[in-house]
Amino acid sequence: MIRLGIDIGGTGIKGALVNVETGEQEGERLRIPTPQPASPDAVSEVVSEIIAHFNYKGPVGIAFPSIVRLGVIHLAANVDDSWLGINAEELFAQRLGTDVQVINDADAAGIAEMRFGAGQGENGIVILLTLGTGIGSAVFLNRTLLPNTEFGHLKIRGKDAEERASGRARELKELSWEKWSKRLVEFLRELELLMSPNLIIIGGGISKKSKKFFPYLESSVDVELKPAKMLNAAGIIGAAYTVK
């Protein structure tokens, strides 16, 4: 079964056709820069363009960088504030003329990893972290999602964890992999203390460079760590899977 998954990010909106039985993308993905400001009308226009590009007919899964409760947007950090309080599922459905499922972007990535990637078959508490512009999180208990966690906003040394340990923070502060890993370890230890997870999966854009920093992490925390397998495609795949 083929479904269209779309991942809305702060800098780019990506879409691809996905075989939701295997988790594999069908053909190349399309990426369009996120409009600025990322208003509902502007983002909807880009989503329409992606659907037209693939000549797709059918339900659409959309990963959105926000807390999403029953389709309504809350706490939209990387899109325009005009999204707050809007029922995104209704908005997209009206604009696109099809059924739409909207899910938090980290939750979508987590679904992909649990179904097809590093978390496949894992029980107990599993946490996926997406390290990019910020830090997204997805939590699973015996492969069941606890939606809309925001562990990136845990306070570490008086600041949000994502201000210290995200991929963007490493680049902005020009940190070496070793120095940045020390910051990430502080965050991981806090998650160990709070959640006692069986496994933490490290995803997001930085996961493709896991060999550069995983050795620093594995020697410093007790919990099992795995790099994400789906890399930057996880949000698209997870979003598509929600409408299988």
C-alpha atoms as a PDB file:
ATOM      1  CA  MET A   1       0.000   0.000   0.000  1.00  0.00           C
ATOM      2  CA  ILE A   2       1.415   3.373  -1.041  1.00  0.00           C
ATOM      3  CA  ARG A   3       0.752   6.514   1.000  1.00  0.00           C
ATOM      4  CA  LEU A   4       2.100  10.058   0.843  1.00  0.00           C
ATOM      5  CA  GLY A   5       4.000  11.308   3.875  1.00  0.00           C
ATOM      6  CA  ILE A   6       4.928  14.960   4.372  1.00  0.00           C
ATOM      7  CA  ASP A   7       7.337  16.303   7.004  1.00  0.00           C
ATOM      8  CA  ILE A   8       7.016  20.024   7.774  1.00  0.00           C
ATOM      9  CA  GLY A   9      10.184  21.505   9.244  1.00  0.00           C
ATOM     10  CA  GLY A  10      11.452  24.928  10.150  1.00  0.00           C
ATOM     11  CA  THR A  11      13.641  25.172   7.033  1.00  0.00           C
ATOM     12  CA  GLY A  12      12.169  22.648   4.612  1.00  0.00           C
ATOM     13  CA  ILE A  13       8.968  20.779   3.788  1.00  0.00           C
ATOM     14  CA  LYS A  14       9.659  17.275   2.488  1.00  0.00           C
ATOM     15  CA  GLY A  15       7.366  14.721   0.934  1.00  0.00           C
ATOM     16  CA  ALA A  16       7.633  11.229  -0.535  1.00  0.00           C
ATOM     17  CA  LEU A  17       5.548   8.233  -1.473  1.00  0.00           C
ATOM     18  CA  VAL A  18       6.010   5.397   1.014  1.00  0.00           C
ATOM     19  CA  ASN A  19       5.253   1.703   0.917  1.00  0.00           C
ATOM     20  CA  VAL A  20       3.708   1.454   4.387  1.00  0.00           C
ATOM     21  CA  GLU A  21       4.058  -2.339   4.432  1.00  0.00           C
ATOM     22  CA  THR A  22       7.856  -2.196   4.126  1.00  0.00           C
ATOM     23  CA  GLY A  23       8.679   1.364   5.248  1.00  0.00           C
ATOM     24  CA  GLU A  24      10.529   2.059   2.012  1.00  0.00           C
ATOM     25  CA  GLN A  25      10.282   5.252   0.008  1.00  0.00           C
ATOM     26  CA  GLU A  26       8.991   4.863  -3.518  1.00  0.00           C
ATOM     27  CA  GLY A  27      11.197   7.062  -5.678  1.00  0.00           C
ATOM     28  CA  GLU A  28      12.847  10.336  -4.760  1.00  0.00           C
ATOM     29  CA  ARG A  29      11.521  12.709  -2.137  1.00  0.00           C
ATOM     30  CA  LEU A  30      10.697  16.340  -2.908  1.00  0.00           C
ATOM     31  CA  ARG A  31      11.948  19.130  -0.656  1.00  0.00           C
ATOM     32  CA  ILE A  32      10.701  22.720  -0.842  1.00  0.00           C
ATOM     33  CA  PRO A  33      12.021  25.481   1.454  1.00  0.00           C
ATOM     34  CA  THR A  34       9.610  26.374   4.233  1.00  0.00           C
ATOM     35  CA  PRO A  35       8.013  29.732   3.409  1.00  0.00           C
ATOM     36  CA  GLN A  36       8.749  32.660   5.687  1.00  0.00           C
ATOM     37  CA  PRO A  37       6.593  33.418   7.491  1.00  0.00           C
ATOM     38  CA  ALA A  38       5.350  29.834   7.741  1.00  0.00           C
ATOM     39  CA  SER A  39       1.688  30.828   7.936  1.00  0.00           C
ATOM     40  CA  PRO A  40      -1.173  28.335   7.483  1.00  0.00           C
ATOM     41  CA  ASP A  41      -1.923  29.620   3.974  1.00  0.00           C
ATOM     42  CA  ALA A  42       1.715  29.576   2.879  1.00  0.00           C
ATOM     43  CA  VAL A  43       2.431  26.100   4.273  1.00  0.00           C
ATOM     44  CA  SER A  44      -0.799  24.704   2.835  1.00  0.00           C
ATOM     45  CA  GLU A  45       0.235  26.008  -0.589  1.00  0.00           C
ATOM     46  CA  VAL A  46       3.552  24.138  -0.398  1.00  0.00           C
ATOM     47  CA  VAL A  47       1.811  20.950   0.739  1.00  0.00           C
ATOM     48  CA  SER A  48      -0.565  21.264  -2.234  1.00  0.00           C
ATOM     49  CA  GLU A  49       2.447  21.645  -4.517  1.00  0.00           C
ATOM     50  CA  ILE A  50       4.009  18.448  -3.149  1.00  0.00           C
ATOM     51  CA  ILE A  51       0.791  16.484  -3.654  1.00  0.00           C
ATOM     52  CA  ALA A  52       0.508  17.774  -7.231  1.00  0.00           C
ATOM     53  CA  HIS A  53       4.153  16.852  -7.898  1.00  0.00           C
ATOM     54  CA  PHE A  54       3.445  13.223  -7.043  1.00  0.00           C
ATOM     55  CA  ASN A  55       0.026  13.261  -8.750  1.00  0.00           C
ATOM     56  CA  TYR A  56      -1.219  11.579  -5.591  1.00  0.00           C
ATOM     57  CA  LYS A  57      -4.799  10.708  -4.750  1.00  0.00           C
ATOM     58  CA  GLY A  58      -5.550   9.395  -1.282  1.00  0.00           C
ATOM     59  CA  PRO A  59      -5.122  10.170   2.424  1.00  0.00           C
ATOM     60  CA  VAL A  60      -2.054  12.140   3.496  1.00  0.00           C
ATOM     61  CA  GLY A  61      -0.005  11.882   6.673  1.00  0.00           C
ATOM     62  CA  ILE A  62       1.667  15.099   7.840  1.00  0.00           C
ATOM     63  CA  ALA A  63       4.389  15.405  10.485  1.00  0.00           C
ATOM     64  CA  PHE A  64       4.223  18.844  12.109  1.00  0.00           C
ATOM     65  CA  PRO A  65       6.755  20.583  14.425  1.00  0.00           C
ATOM     66  CA  SER A  66       4.306  21.142  17.246  1.00  0.00           C
ATOM     67  CA  ILE A  67       2.276  19.539  19.975  1.00  0.00           C
ATOM     68  CA  VAL A  68      -0.788  18.182  18.159  1.00  0.00           C
ATOM     69  CA  ARG A  69      -3.889  17.338  20.182  1.00  0.00           C
ATOM     70  CA  LEU A  70      -6.834  15.923  18.223  1.00  0.00           C
ATOM     71  CA  GLY A  71      -5.571  17.732  15.146  1.00  0.00           C
ATOM     72  CA  VAL A  72      -5.180  21.115  16.893  1.00  0.00           C
ATOM     73  CA  ILE A  73      -1.795  22.863  16.947  1.00  0.00           C
ATOM     74  CA  HIS A  74      -0.253  23.886  20.287  1.00  0.00           C
ATOM     75  CA  LEU A  75       3.215  25.279  20.986  1.00  0.00           C
ATOM     76  CA  ALA A  76       4.421  25.835  17.412  1.00  0.00           C
ATOM     77  CA  ALA A  77       8.070  26.791  17.889  1.00  0.00           C
ATOM     78  CA  ASN A  78       9.353  26.575  14.303  1.00  0.00           C
ATOM     79  CA  VAL A  79       6.329  27.829  12.360  1.00  0.00           C
ATOM     80  CA  ASP A  80       4.308  31.020  12.528  1.00  0.00           C
ATOM     81  CA  ASP A  81       2.337  31.763  15.714  1.00  0.00           C
ATOM     82  CA  SER A  82      -0.812  32.061  13.590  1.00  0.00           C
ATOM     83  CA  TRP A  83      -0.986  28.244  13.686  1.00  0.00           C
ATOM     84  CA  LEU A  84      -1.740  28.215  17.412  1.00  0.00           C
ATOM     85  CA  GLY A  85      -5.232  26.901  18.117  1.00  0.00           C
ATOM     86  CA  ILE A  86      -5.885  25.928  14.502  1.00  0.00           C
ATOM     87  CA  ASN A  87      -7.234  22.481  13.695  1.00  0.00           C
ATOM     88  CA  ALA A  88      -4.578  21.576  11.142  1.00  0.00           C
ATOM     89  CA  GLU A  89      -6.313  18.378  10.078  1.00  0.00           C
ATOM     90  CA  GLU A  90      -9.460  20.270   9.130  1.00  0.00           C
ATOM     91  CA  LEU A  91      -7.482  23.053   7.444  1.00  0.00           C
ATOM     92  CA  PHE A  92      -5.389  20.696   5.316  1.00  0.00           C
ATOM     93  CA  ALA A  93      -8.388  18.500   4.488  1.00  0.00           C
ATOM     94  CA  GLN A  94     -10.321  21.530   3.208  1.00  0.00           C
ATOM     95  CA  ARG A  95      -7.383  22.841   1.195  1.00  0.00           C
ATOM     96  CA  LEU A  96      -6.329  19.465  -0.202  1.00  0.00           C
ATOM     97  CA  GLY A  97      -9.695  17.806  -0.674  1.00  0.00           C
ATOM     98  CA  THR A  98      -8.625  14.574   1.013  1.00  0.00           C
ATOM     99  CA  ASP A  99      -8.385  12.953   4.442  1.00  0.00           C
ATOM    100  CA  VAL A 100      -5.381  14.144   6.468  1.00  0.00           C
ATOM    101  CA  GLN A 101      -3.747  12.892   9.660  1.00  0.00           C
ATOM    102  CA  VAL A 102      -1.449  15.372  11.450  1.00  0.00           C
ATOM    103  CA  ILE A 103       1.037  14.141  14.054  1.00  0.00           C
ATOM    104  CA  ASN A 104       3.937  15.658  15.988  1.00  0.00           C
ATOM    105  CA  ASP A 105       7.094  15.324  13.904  1.00  0.00           C
ATOM    106  CA  ALA A 106       9.190  13.520  16.531  1.00  0.00           C
ATOM    107  CA  ASP A 107       6.305  11.137  17.211  1.00  0.00           C
ATOM    108  CA  ALA A 108       6.147  10.390  13.486  1.00  0.00           C
ATOM    109  CA  ALA A 109       9.888   9.677  13.416  1.00  0.00           C
ATOM    110  CA  GLY A 110       9.494   7.445  16.451  1.00  0.00           C
ATOM    111  CA  ILE A 111       6.709   5.452  14.815  1.00  0.00           C
ATOM    112  CA  ALA A 112       8.954   4.832  11.798  1.00  0.00           C
ATOM    113  CA  GLU A 113      11.868   3.686  13.954  1.00  0.00           C
ATOM    114  CA  MET A 114       9.698   1.424  16.114  1.00  0.00           C
ATOM    115  CA  ARG A 115       7.971  -0.164  13.126  1.00  0.00           C
ATOM    116  CA  PHE A 116      10.832  -0.421  10.650  1.00  0.00           C
ATOM    117  CA  GLY A 117      14.066   0.817  12.250  1.00  0.00           C
ATOM    118  CA  ALA A 118      16.224   0.714  15.363  1.00  0.00           C
ATOM    119  CA  GLY A 119      13.288   0.129  17.723  1.00  0.00           C
ATOM    120  CA  GLN A 120      11.728  -2.752  15.818  1.00  0.00           C
ATOM    121  CA  GLY A 121      10.642  -5.478  18.267  1.00  0.00           C
ATOM    122  CA  GLU A 122      11.788  -3.530  21.339  1.00  0.00           C
ATOM    123  CA  ASN A 123       9.632  -3.655  24.490  1.00  0.00           C
ATOM    124  CA  GLY A 124       9.759  -1.655  27.701  1.00  0.00           C
ATOM    125  CA  ILE A 125      10.377   2.086  27.587  1.00  0.00           C
ATOM    126  CA  VAL A 126      12.001   3.333  24.385  1.00  0.00           C
ATOM    127  CA  ILE A 127      12.835   6.993  23.793  1.00  0.00           C
ATOM    128  CA  LEU A 128      13.623   8.441  20.387  1.00  0.00           C
ATOM    129  CA  LEU A 129      15.411  11.795  20.276  1.00  0.00           C
ATOM    130  CA  THR A 130      15.633  13.882  17.105  1.00  0.00           C
ATOM    131  CA  LEU A 131      18.647  16.185  17.248  1.00  0.00           C
ATOM    132  CA  GLY A 132      18.379  18.978  14.709  1.00  0.00           C
ATOM    133  CA  THR A 133      17.248  22.598  14.946  1.00  0.00           C
ATOM    134  CA  GLY A 134      15.916  21.646  18.378  1.00  0.00           C
ATOM    135  CA  ILE A 135      15.460  18.366  20.234  1.00  0.00           C
ATOM    136  CA  GLY A 136      12.311  16.392  19.610  1.00  0.00           C
ATOM    137  CA  SER A 137      11.289  13.336  21.599  1.00  0.00           C
ATOM    138  CA  ALA A 138       9.000  10.347  21.260  1.00  0.00           C
ATOM    139  CA  VAL A 139       8.307   7.853  24.043  1.00  0.00           C
ATOM    140  CA  PHE A 140       6.987   4.307  23.674  1.00  0.00           C
ATOM    141  CA  LEU A 141       5.911   1.794  26.313  1.00  0.00           C
ATOM    142  CA  ASN A 142       5.795  -1.728  24.910  1.00  0.00           C
ATOM    143  CA  ARG A 143       5.652  -0.174  21.413  1.00  0.00           C
ATOM    144  CA  THR A 144       2.676   2.065  22.290  1.00  0.00           C
ATOM    145  CA  LEU A 145       3.254   5.792  21.735  1.00  0.00           C
ATOM    146  CA  LEU A 146       2.882   8.354  24.519  1.00  0.00           C
ATOM    147  CA  PRO A 147       2.322  11.407  22.277  1.00  0.00           C
ATOM    148  CA  ASN A 148       3.557  14.977  22.499  1.00  0.00           C
ATOM    149  CA  THR A 149       6.462  14.675  24.913  1.00  0.00           C
ATOM    150  CA  GLU A 150       8.793  17.679  24.893  1.00  0.00           C
ATOM    151  CA  PHE A 151      11.999  16.498  26.549  1.00  0.00           C
ATOM    152  CA  GLY A 152      13.988  19.048  24.568  1.00  0.00           C
ATOM    153  CA  HIS A 153      12.676  21.631  27.031  1.00  0.00           C
ATOM    154  CA  LEU A 154      14.061  19.911  30.117  1.00  0.00           C
ATOM    155  CA  LYS A 155      16.265  22.344  32.017  1.00  0.00           C
ATOM    156  CA  ILE A 156      19.971  21.535  31.997  1.00  0.00           C
ATOM    157  CA  ARG A 157      22.207  24.058  33.769  1.00  0.00           C
ATOM    158  CA  GLY A 158      19.343  26.544  33.685  1.00  0.00           C
ATOM    159  CA  LYS A 159      18.679  26.299  29.934  1.00  0.00           C
ATOM    160  CA  ASP A 160      16.463  24.191  27.715  1.00  0.00           C
ATOM    161  CA  ALA A 161      18.352  21.033  26.775  1.00  0.00           C
ATOM    162  CA  GLU A 162      17.960  21.871  23.083  1.00  0.00           C
ATOM    163  CA  GLU A 163      19.784  25.177  23.596  1.00  0.00           C
ATOM    164  CA  ARG A 164      22.834  23.215  24.726  1.00  0.00           C
ATOM    165  CA  ALA A 165      22.698  19.843  23.004  1.00  0.00           C
ATOM    166  CA  SER A 166      20.829  20.116  19.699  1.00  0.00           C
ATOM    167  CA  GLY A 167      22.588  19.757  16.370  1.00  0.00           C
ATOM    168  CA  ARG A 168      22.090  23.445  15.775  1.00  0.00           C
ATOM    169  CA  ALA A 169      23.670  24.318  19.146  1.00  0.00           C
ATOM    170  CA  ARG A 170      26.791  22.363  18.181  1.00  0.00           C
ATOM    171  CA  GLU A 171      27.089  24.262  14.920  1.00  0.00           C
ATOM    172  CA  LEU A 172      26.367  27.700  16.373  1.00  0.00           C
ATOM    173  CA  LYS A 173      28.904  27.290  19.156  1.00  0.00           C
ATOM    174  CA  GLU A 174      31.372  25.522  16.840  1.00  0.00           C
ATOM    175  CA  LEU A 175      31.805  22.683  19.330  1.00  0.00           C
ATOM    176  CA  SER A 176      33.946  19.658  18.632  1.00  0.00           C
ATOM    177  CA  TRP A 177      32.149  16.336  18.620  1.00  0.00           C
ATOM    178  CA  GLU A 178      33.724  15.495  21.990  1.00  0.00           C
ATOM    179  CA  LYS A 179      32.692  18.752  23.685  1.00  0.00           C
ATOM    180  CA  TRP A 180      29.191  18.586  22.248  1.00  0.00           C
ATOM    181  CA  SER A 181      28.878  14.955  23.350  1.00  0.00           C
ATOM    182  CA  LYS A 182      29.545  15.970  26.951  1.00  0.00           C
ATOM    183  CA  ARG A 183      26.513  18.255  26.777  1.00  0.00           C
ATOM    184  CA  LEU A 184      24.425  15.507  25.237  1.00  0.00           C
ATOM    185  CA  VAL A 185      25.522  13.075  27.965  1.00  0.00           C
ATOM    186  CA  GLU A 186      24.191  15.456  30.631  1.00  0.00           C
ATOM    187  CA  PHE A 187      20.827  15.386  28.901  1.00  0.00           C
ATOM    188  CA  LEU A 188      20.831  11.604  28.468  1.00  0.00           C
ATOM    189  CA  ARG A 189      21.660  11.090  32.148  1.00  0.00           C
ATOM    190  CA  GLU A 190      18.699  13.274  33.090  1.00  0.00           C
ATOM    191  CA  LEU A 191      16.439  11.108  30.934  1.00  0.00           C
ATOM    192  CA  GLU A 192      17.884   7.992  32.575  1.00  0.00           C
ATOM    193  CA  LEU A 193      17.040   9.388  35.993  1.00  0.00           C
ATOM    194  CA  LEU A 194      13.506  10.442  35.053  1.00  0.00           C
ATOM    195  CA  MET A 195      12.380   7.590  32.807  1.00  0.00           C
ATOM    196  CA  SER A 196      14.644   4.534  33.325  1.00  0.00           C
ATOM    197  CA  PRO A 197      14.410   3.695  29.607  1.00  0.00           C
ATOM    198  CA  ASN A 198      15.448   0.366  28.140  1.00  0.00           C
ATOM    199  CA  LEU A 199      16.701   2.025  24.978  1.00  0.00           C
ATOM    200  CA  ILE A 200      17.368   5.509  23.627  1.00  0.00           C
ATOM    201  CA  ILE A 201      17.485   5.968  19.851  1.00  0.00           C
ATOM    202  CA  ILE A 202      19.381   8.999  18.544  1.00  0.00           C
ATOM    203  CA  GLY A 203      17.776  10.365  15.381  1.00  0.00           C
ATOM    204  CA  GLY A 204      17.403  13.584  13.440  1.00  0.00           C
ATOM    205  CA  GLY A 205      19.746  15.039  10.878  1.00  0.00           C
ATOM    206  CA  ILE A 206      22.799  14.372  13.021  1.00  0.00           C
ATOM    207  CA  SER A 207      22.165  10.622  13.175  1.00  0.00           C
ATOM    208  CA  LYS A 208      23.941  10.072   9.850  1.00  0.00           C
ATOM    209  CA  LYS A 209      27.152  11.158  11.616  1.00  0.00           C
ATOM    210  CA  SER A 210      26.688   8.856  14.605  1.00  0.00           C
ATOM    211  CA  LYS A 211      30.145   7.308  14.243  1.00  0.00           C
ATOM    212  CA  LYS A 212      31.664  10.684  15.111  1.00  0.00           C
ATOM    213  CA  PHE A 213      30.028  10.939  18.537  1.00  0.00           C
ATOM    214  CA  PHE A 214      28.579   7.595  19.649  1.00  0.00           C
ATOM    215  CA  PRO A 215      31.855   6.379  21.212  1.00  0.00           C
ATOM    216  CA  TYR A 216      31.765   9.366  23.595  1.00  0.00           C
ATOM    217  CA  LEU A 217      28.173   8.586  24.595  1.00  0.00           C
ATOM    218  CA  GLU A 218      28.333   4.826  25.045  1.00  0.00           C
ATOM    219  CA  SER A 219      31.145   5.038  27.568  1.00  0.00           C
ATOM    220  CA  SER A 220      29.296   7.648  29.650  1.00  0.00           C
ATOM    221  CA  VAL A 221      25.711   6.384  30.086  1.00  0.00           C
ATOM    222  CA  ASP A 222      24.235   3.114  31.341  1.00  0.00           C
ATOM    223  CA  VAL A 223      21.233   2.911  29.029  1.00  0.00           C
ATOM    224  CA  GLU A 224      21.509   1.144  25.670  1.00  0.00           C
ATOM    225  CA  LEU A 225      21.911   3.583  22.770  1.00  0.00           C
ATOM    226  CA  LYS A 226      21.275   3.046  19.073  1.00  0.00           C
ATOM    227  CA  PRO A 227      21.556   5.395  16.094  1.00  0.00           C
ATOM    228  CA  ALA A 228      18.337   5.796  14.124  1.00  0.00           C
ATOM    229  CA  LYS A 229      18.148   3.752  10.938  1.00  0.00           C
ATOM    230  CA  MET A 230      15.624   5.855   9.035  1.00  0.00           C
ATOM    231  CA  LEU A 231      17.715   9.056   9.325  1.00  0.00           C
ATOM    232  CA  ASN A 232      15.974  12.143   7.881  1.00  0.00           C
ATOM    233  CA  ALA A 233      13.307  10.032   6.177  1.00  0.00           C
ATOM    234  CA  ALA A 234      11.788   8.937   9.502  1.00  0.00           C
ATOM    235  CA  GLY A 235       9.250  11.774   9.739  1.00  0.00           C
ATOM    236  CA  ILE A 236       7.974  11.163   6.224  1.00  0.00           C
ATOM    237  CA  ILE A 237       7.731   7.399   6.739  1.00  0.00           C
ATOM    238  CA  GLY A 238       6.034   7.686  10.127  1.00  0.00           C
ATOM    239  CA  ALA A 239       3.550  10.249   8.831  1.00  0.00           C
ATOM    240  CA  ALA A 240       2.650   8.029   5.897  1.00  0.00           C
ATOM    241  CA  TYR A 241       2.265   5.032   8.197  1.00  0.00           C
ATOM    242  CA  THR A 242      -0.380   6.854  10.284  1.00  0.00           C
ATOM    243  CA  VAL A 243      -2.772   6.763   7.298  1.00  0.00           C
ATOM    244  CA  LYS A 244      -2.054   3.187   6.175  1.00  0.00           C
END
